[in-house]
PDB file of all heavy atoms in Angstrom:
ATOM      1  N   PHE A   1     103.906  61.575 109.611  1.00  0.00           N
ATOM      2  CA  PHE A   1     105.058  62.467 109.702  1.00  0.00           C
ATOM      3  C   PHE A   1     105.970  62.166 108.520  1.00  0.00           C
ATOM      4  O   PHE A   1     106.407  61.034 108.336  1.00  0.00           O
ATOM      5  CB  PHE A   1     105.785  62.228 111.030  1.00  0.00           C
ATOM      6  CG  PHE A   1     107.111  62.941 111.160  1.00  0.00           C
ATOM      7  CD1 PHE A   1     107.189  64.325 111.079  1.00  0.00           C
ATOM      8  CD2 PHE A   1     108.280  62.217 111.387  1.00  0.00           C
ATOM      9  CE1 PHE A   1     108.414  64.980 111.219  1.00  0.00           C
ATOM     10  CE2 PHE A   1     109.496  62.856 111.528  1.00  0.00           C
ATOM     11  CZ  PHE A   1     109.561  64.247 111.443  1.00  0.00           C
ATOM     12  N   THR A   2     106.264  63.182 107.700  1.00  0.00           N
ATOM     13  CA  THR A   2     107.041  62.969 106.479  1.00  0.00           C
ATOM     14  C   THR A   2     108.255  63.893 106.468  1.00  0.00           C
ATOM     15  O   THR A   2     108.138  65.077 106.149  1.00  0.00           O
ATOM     16  CB  THR A   2     106.203  63.227 105.221  1.00  0.00           C
ATOM     17  OG1 THR A   2     105.020  62.420 105.260  1.00  0.00           O
ATOM     18  CG2 THR A   2     107.000  62.891 103.965  1.00  0.00           C
ATOM     19  N   PRO A   3     109.443  63.373 106.822  1.00  0.00           N
ATOM     20  CA  PRO A   3     110.658  64.165 106.618  1.00  0.00           C
ATOM     21  C   PRO A   3     111.052  64.098 105.146  1.00  0.00           C
ATOM     22  O   PRO A   3     110.751  63.115 104.452  1.00  0.00           O
ATOM     23  CB  PRO A   3     111.687  63.453 107.506  1.00  0.00           C
ATOM     24  CG  PRO A   3     111.218  62.037 107.573  1.00  0.00           C
ATOM     25  CD  PRO A   3     109.715  62.084 107.460  1.00  0.00           C
ATOM     26  N   SER A   4     111.708  65.114 104.652  1.00  0.00           N
ATOM     27  CA  SER A   4     112.093  65.103 103.239  1.00  0.00           C
ATOM     28  C   SER A   4     113.429  65.798 103.054  1.00  0.00           C
ATOM     29  O   SER A   4     113.819  66.671 103.823  1.00  0.00           O
ATOM     30  CB  SER A   4     111.025  65.804 102.384  1.00  0.00           C
ATOM     31  OG  SER A   4     110.900  67.161 102.745  1.00  0.00           O
ATOM     32  N   VAL A   5     114.135  65.370 102.018  1.00  0.00           N
ATOM     33  CA  VAL A   5     115.387  65.991 101.626  1.00  0.00           C
ATOM     34  C   VAL A   5     115.315  66.239 100.127  1.00  0.00           C
ATOM     35  O   VAL A   5     114.860  65.386  99.364  1.00  0.00           O
ATOM     36  CB  VAL A   5     116.609  65.106 101.991  1.00  0.00           C
ATOM     37  CG1 VAL A   5     116.475  63.706 101.423  1.00  0.00           C
ATOM     38  CG2 VAL A   5     117.898  65.733 101.521  1.00  0.00           C
ATOM     39  N   SER A   6     115.713  67.415  99.731  1.00  0.00           N
ATOM     40  CA  SER A   6     115.683  67.733  98.304  1.00  0.00           C
ATOM     41  C   SER A   6     117.020  68.341  97.894  1.00  0.00           C
ATOM     42  O   SER A   6     117.653  69.076  98.656  1.00  0.00           O
ATOM     43  CB  SER A   6     114.542  68.711  97.994  1.00  0.00           C
ATOM     44  OG  SER A   6     114.687  69.909  98.732  1.00  0.00           O
ATOM     45  N   GLY A   7     117.435  68.018  96.687  1.00  0.00           N
ATOM     46  CA  GLY A   7     118.682  68.563  96.162  1.00  0.00           C
ATOM     47  C   GLY A   7     119.924  68.079  96.870  1.00  0.00           C
ATOM     48  O   GLY A   7     120.959  68.757  96.858  1.00  0.00           O
ATOM     49  N   ALA A   8     119.865  66.916  97.513  1.00  0.00           N
ATOM     50  CA  ALA A   8     121.045  66.372  98.184  1.00  0.00           C
ATOM     51  C   ALA A   8     122.030  65.853  97.144  1.00  0.00           C
ATOM     52  O   ALA A   8     121.635  65.280  96.126  1.00  0.00           O
ATOM     53  CB  ALA A   8     120.642  65.243  99.126  1.00  0.00           C
ATOM     54  N   SER A   9     123.300  66.061  97.419  1.00  0.00           N
ATOM     55  CA  SER A   9     124.306  65.559  96.481  1.00  0.00           C
ATOM     56  C   SER A   9     124.568  64.085  96.754  1.00  0.00           C
ATOM     57  O   SER A   9     124.611  63.642  97.898  1.00  0.00           O
ATOM     58  CB  SER A   9     125.600  66.361  96.624  1.00  0.00           C
ATOM     59  OG  SER A   9     126.151  66.208  97.916  1.00  0.00           O
ATOM     60  N   ILE A  10     124.732  63.350  95.680  1.00  0.00           N
ATOM     61  CA  ILE A  10     124.955  61.917  95.782  1.00  0.00           C
ATOM     62  C   ILE A  10     126.077  61.554  94.824  1.00  0.00           C
ATOM     63  O   ILE A  10     126.196  62.125  93.727  1.00  0.00           O
ATOM     64  CB  ILE A  10     123.654  61.145  95.473  1.00  0.00           C
ATOM     65  CG1 ILE A  10     123.779  59.669  95.817  1.00  0.00           C
ATOM     66  CG2 ILE A  10     123.224  61.324  94.017  1.00  0.00           C
ATOM     67  CD1 ILE A  10     122.435  58.948  95.793  1.00  0.00           C
ATOM     68  N   GLY A  11     126.959  60.664  95.240  1.00  0.00           N
ATOM     69  CA  GLY A  11     128.111  60.308  94.413  1.00  0.00           C
ATOM     70  C   GLY A  11     128.259  58.806  94.257  1.00  0.00           C
ATOM     71  O   GLY A  11     127.926  58.035  95.150  1.00  0.00           O
ATOM     72  N   PHE A  12     128.769  58.396  93.095  1.00  0.00           N
ATOM     73  CA  PHE A  12     128.977  56.984  92.794  1.00  0.00           C
ATOM     74  C   PHE A  12     130.373  56.802  92.219  1.00  0.00           C
ATOM     75  O   PHE A  12     130.957  57.720  91.633  1.00  0.00           O
ATOM     76  CB  PHE A  12     127.951  56.476  91.766  1.00  0.00           C
ATOM     77  CG  PHE A  12     126.524  56.622  92.175  1.00  0.00           C
ATOM     78  CD1 PHE A  12     125.827  57.789  91.892  1.00  0.00           C
ATOM     79  CD2 PHE A  12     125.874  55.596  92.825  1.00  0.00           C
ATOM     80  CE1 PHE A  12     124.518  57.927  92.252  1.00  0.00           C
ATOM     81  CE2 PHE A  12     124.548  55.729  93.184  1.00  0.00           C
ATOM     82  CZ  PHE A  12     123.863  56.895  92.909  1.00  0.00           C
ATOM     83  N   SER A  13     130.881  55.615  92.387  1.00  0.00           N
ATOM     84  CA  SER A  13     132.083  55.205  91.662  1.00  0.00           C
ATOM     85  C   SER A  13     131.755  53.924  90.917  1.00  0.00           C
ATOM     86  O   SER A  13     130.846  53.180  91.299  1.00  0.00           O
ATOM     87  CB  SER A  13     133.256  54.985  92.616  1.00  0.00           C
ATOM     88  OG  SER A  13     133.012  53.878  93.472  1.00  0.00           O
ATOM     89  N   LEU A  14     132.508  53.653  89.830  1.00  0.00           N
ATOM     90  CA  LEU A  14     132.249  52.449  89.048  1.00  0.00           C
ATOM     91  C   LEU A  14     133.517  52.043  88.304  1.00  0.00           C
ATOM     92  O   LEU A  14     134.438  52.851  88.102  1.00  0.00           O
ATOM     93  CB  LEU A  14     131.097  52.685  88.065  1.00  0.00           C
ATOM     94  CG  LEU A  14     131.255  53.826  87.050  1.00  0.00           C
ATOM     95  CD1 LEU A  14     131.956  53.345  85.784  1.00  0.00           C
ATOM     96  CD2 LEU A  14     129.893  54.413  86.713  1.00  0.00           C
ATOM     97  N   ASP A  15     133.559  50.790  87.956  1.00  0.00           N
ATOM     98  CA  ASP A  15     134.640  50.276  87.105  1.00  0.00           C
ATOM     99  C   ASP A  15     134.053  49.990  85.720  1.00  0.00           C
ATOM    100  O   ASP A  15     132.921  49.517  85.601  1.00  0.00           O
ATOM    101  CB  ASP A  15     135.212  48.978  87.698  1.00  0.00           C
ATOM    102  CG  ASP A  15     135.855  49.208  89.066  1.00  0.00           C
ATOM    103  OD1 ASP A  15     136.425  50.301  89.273  1.00  0.00           O
ATOM    104  OD2 ASP A  15     135.762  48.304  89.919  1.00  0.00           O
ATOM    105  N   TRP A  16     134.841  50.297  84.707  1.00  0.00           N
ATOM    106  CA  TRP A  16     134.372  50.053  83.345  1.00  0.00           C
ATOM    107  C   TRP A  16     135.407  49.272  82.549  1.00  0.00           C
ATOM    108  O   TRP A  16     136.601  49.286  82.865  1.00  0.00           O
ATOM    109  CB  TRP A  16     134.040  51.351  82.622  1.00  0.00           C
ATOM    110  CG  TRP A  16     135.176  52.359  82.583  1.00  0.00           C
ATOM    111  CD1 TRP A  16     135.391  53.395  83.427  1.00  0.00           C
ATOM    112  CD2 TRP A  16     136.244  52.396  81.625  1.00  0.00           C
ATOM    113  NE1 TRP A  16     136.519  54.092  83.087  1.00  0.00           N
ATOM    114  CE2 TRP A  16     137.069  53.488  81.968  1.00  0.00           C
ATOM    115  CE3 TRP A  16     136.604  51.622  80.513  1.00  0.00           C
ATOM    116  CZ2 TRP A  16     138.210  53.830  81.256  1.00  0.00           C
ATOM    117  CZ3 TRP A  16     137.751  51.963  79.812  1.00  0.00           C
ATOM    118  CH2 TRP A  16     138.541  53.060  80.178  1.00  0.00           C
ATOM    119  N   LYS A  17     134.922  48.603  81.530  1.00  0.00           N
ATOM    120  CA  LYS A  17     135.791  47.871  80.595  1.00  0.00           C
ATOM    121  C   LYS A  17     135.116  47.938  79.223  1.00  0.00           C
ATOM    122  O   LYS A  17     133.907  47.719  79.115  1.00  0.00           O
ATOM    123  CB  LYS A  17     135.968  46.428  81.035  1.00  0.00           C
ATOM    124  CG  LYS A  17     136.875  45.617  80.110  1.00  0.00           C
ATOM    125  CD  LYS A  17     136.910  44.149  80.514  1.00  0.00           C
ATOM    126  CE  LYS A  17     137.576  43.972  81.876  1.00  0.00           C
ATOM    127  NZ  LYS A  17     137.732  42.527  82.212  1.00  0.00           N
ATOM    128  N   VAL A  18     135.903  48.265  78.203  1.00  0.00           N
ATOM    129  CA  VAL A  18     135.375  48.312  76.828  1.00  0.00           C
ATOM    130  C   VAL A  18     136.323  47.523  75.911  1.00  0.00           C
ATOM    131  O   VAL A  18     137.503  47.337  76.222  1.00  0.00           O
ATOM    132  CB  VAL A  18     135.234  49.765  76.329  1.00  0.00           C
ATOM    133  CG1 VAL A  18     134.224  50.539  77.161  1.00  0.00           C
ATOM    134  CG2 VAL A  18     136.573  50.480  76.335  1.00  0.00           C
ATOM    135  N   TRP A  19     135.779  47.066  74.808  1.00  0.00           N
ATOM    136  CA  TRP A  19     136.613  46.365  73.823  1.00  0.00           C
ATOM    137  C   TRP A  19     136.065  46.625  72.422  1.00  0.00           C
ATOM    138  O   TRP A  19     134.873  46.929  72.257  1.00  0.00           O
ATOM    139  CB  TRP A  19     136.670  44.873  74.128  1.00  0.00           C
ATOM    140  CG  TRP A  19     135.335  44.221  74.275  1.00  0.00           C
ATOM    141  CD1 TRP A  19     134.580  43.686  73.298  1.00  0.00           C
ATOM    142  CD2 TRP A  19     134.622  44.057  75.496  1.00  0.00           C
ATOM    143  NE1 TRP A  19     133.429  43.173  73.801  1.00  0.00           N
ATOM    144  CE2 TRP A  19     133.425  43.378  75.169  1.00  0.00           C
ATOM    145  CE3 TRP A  19     134.882  44.376  76.830  1.00  0.00           C
ATOM    146  CZ2 TRP A  19     132.488  43.039  76.125  1.00  0.00           C
ATOM    147  CZ3 TRP A  19     133.947  44.033  77.771  1.00  0.00           C
ATOM    148  CH2 TRP A  19     132.757  43.383  77.425  1.00  0.00           C
ATOM    149  N   LYS A  20     136.977  46.510  71.483  1.00  0.00           N
ATOM    150  CA  LYS A  20     136.610  46.713  70.082  1.00  0.00           C
ATOM    151  C   LYS A  20     137.465  45.791  69.233  1.00  0.00           C
ATOM    152  O   LYS A  20     138.687  45.738  69.393  1.00  0.00           O
ATOM    153  CB  LYS A  20     136.843  48.172  69.675  1.00  0.00           C
ATOM    154  CG  LYS A  20     136.415  48.478  68.240  1.00  0.00           C
ATOM    155  CD  LYS A  20     136.618  49.946  67.946  1.00  0.00           C
ATOM    156  CE  LYS A  20     136.159  50.271  66.530  1.00  0.00           C
ATOM    157  NZ  LYS A  20     136.357  51.696  66.208  1.00  0.00           N
ATOM    158  N   LYS A  21     136.814  45.079  68.356  1.00  0.00           N
ATOM    159  CA  LYS A  21     137.533  44.116  67.533  1.00  0.00           C
ATOM    160  C   LYS A  21     137.723  44.683  66.123  1.00  0.00           C
ATOM    161  O   LYS A  21     136.777  45.101  65.471  1.00  0.00           O
ATOM    162  CB  LYS A  21     136.758  42.800  67.453  1.00  0.00           C
ATOM    163  CG  LYS A  21     137.558  41.662  66.843  1.00  0.00           C
ATOM    164  CD  LYS A  21     136.832  40.349  67.008  1.00  0.00           C
ATOM    165  CE  LYS A  21     137.675  39.193  66.484  1.00  0.00           C
ATOM    166  NZ  LYS A  21     136.994  37.891  66.650  1.00  0.00           N
ATOM    167  N   ILE A  22     138.989  44.781  65.749  1.00  0.00           N
ATOM    168  CA  ILE A  22     139.331  45.219  64.394  1.00  0.00           C
ATOM    169  C   ILE A  22     140.068  44.057  63.709  1.00  0.00           C
ATOM    170  O   ILE A  22     141.179  43.716  64.085  1.00  0.00           O
ATOM    171  CB  ILE A  22     140.221  46.479  64.428  1.00  0.00           C
ATOM    172  CG1 ILE A  22     139.501  47.615  65.194  1.00  0.00           C
ATOM    173  CG2 ILE A  22     140.562  46.925  63.026  1.00  0.00           C
ATOM    174  CD1 ILE A  22     140.343  48.841  65.352  1.00  0.00           C
ATOM    175  N   TRP A  23     139.363  43.483  62.720  1.00  0.00           N
ATOM    176  CA  TRP A  23     139.860  42.273  62.072  1.00  0.00           C
ATOM    177  C   TRP A  23     140.092  41.206  63.125  1.00  0.00           C
ATOM    178  O   TRP A  23     139.191  40.782  63.793  1.00  0.00           O
ATOM    179  CB  TRP A  23     141.137  42.549  61.273  1.00  0.00           C
ATOM    180  CG  TRP A  23     140.893  43.495  60.115  1.00  0.00           C
ATOM    181  CD1 TRP A  23     141.148  44.832  60.074  1.00  0.00           C
ATOM    182  CD2 TRP A  23     140.350  43.135  58.860  1.00  0.00           C
ATOM    183  NE1 TRP A  23     140.789  45.372  58.873  1.00  0.00           N
ATOM    184  CE2 TRP A  23     140.284  44.319  58.081  1.00  0.00           C
ATOM    185  CE3 TRP A  23     139.887  41.946  58.268  1.00  0.00           C
ATOM    186  CZ2 TRP A  23     139.796  44.352  56.781  1.00  0.00           C
ATOM    187  CZ3 TRP A  23     139.422  41.987  56.977  1.00  0.00           C
ATOM    188  CH2 TRP A  23     139.368  43.186  56.252  1.00  0.00           C
ATOM    189  N   PHE A  24     141.294  40.795  63.279  1.00  0.00           N
ATOM    190  CA  PHE A  24     141.578  39.733  64.237  1.00  0.00           C
ATOM    191  C   PHE A  24     142.200  40.278  65.525  1.00  0.00           C
ATOM    192  O   PHE A  24     142.655  39.529  66.373  1.00  0.00           O
ATOM    193  CB  PHE A  24     142.527  38.688  63.613  1.00  0.00           C
ATOM    194  CG  PHE A  24     143.788  39.290  63.073  1.00  0.00           C
ATOM    195  CD1 PHE A  24     144.892  39.497  63.903  1.00  0.00           C
ATOM    196  CD2 PHE A  24     143.863  39.662  61.725  1.00  0.00           C
ATOM    197  CE1 PHE A  24     146.026  40.048  63.373  1.00  0.00           C
ATOM    198  CE2 PHE A  24     145.018  40.227  61.226  1.00  0.00           C
ATOM    199  CZ  PHE A  24     146.112  40.415  62.040  1.00  0.00           C
ATOM    200  N   ILE A  25     142.215  41.610  65.660  1.00  0.00           N
ATOM    201  CA  ILE A  25     142.787  42.225  66.871  1.00  0.00           C
ATOM    202  C   ILE A  25     141.649  42.808  67.716  1.00  0.00           C
ATOM    203  O   ILE A  25     140.795  43.526  67.207  1.00  0.00           O
ATOM    204  CB  ILE A  25     143.790  43.336  66.506  1.00  0.00           C
ATOM    205  CG1 ILE A  25     144.931  42.758  65.669  1.00  0.00           C
ATOM    206  CG2 ILE A  25     144.307  44.011  67.766  1.00  0.00           C
ATOM    207  CD1 ILE A  25     145.871  43.819  65.163  1.00  0.00           C
ATOM    208  N   THR A  26     141.674  42.510  69.000  1.00  0.00           N
ATOM    209  CA  THR A  26     140.693  43.068  69.939  1.00  0.00           C
ATOM    210  C   THR A  26     141.381  44.109  70.823  1.00  0.00           C
ATOM    211  O   THR A  26     142.329  43.800  71.564  1.00  0.00           O
ATOM    212  CB  THR A  26     140.092  41.966  70.819  1.00  0.00           C
ATOM    213  OG1 THR A  26     139.449  40.989  69.998  1.00  0.00           O
ATOM    214  CG2 THR A  26     139.067  42.559  71.780  1.00  0.00           C
TER     215      THR A  26
END
């Protein structure tokens, strides 16, 4: 017996952090 779902909507949340160093400043 195989139930199936197709095209279901799925949602995520996430935290991000980025950095860039220019000379001696980050």
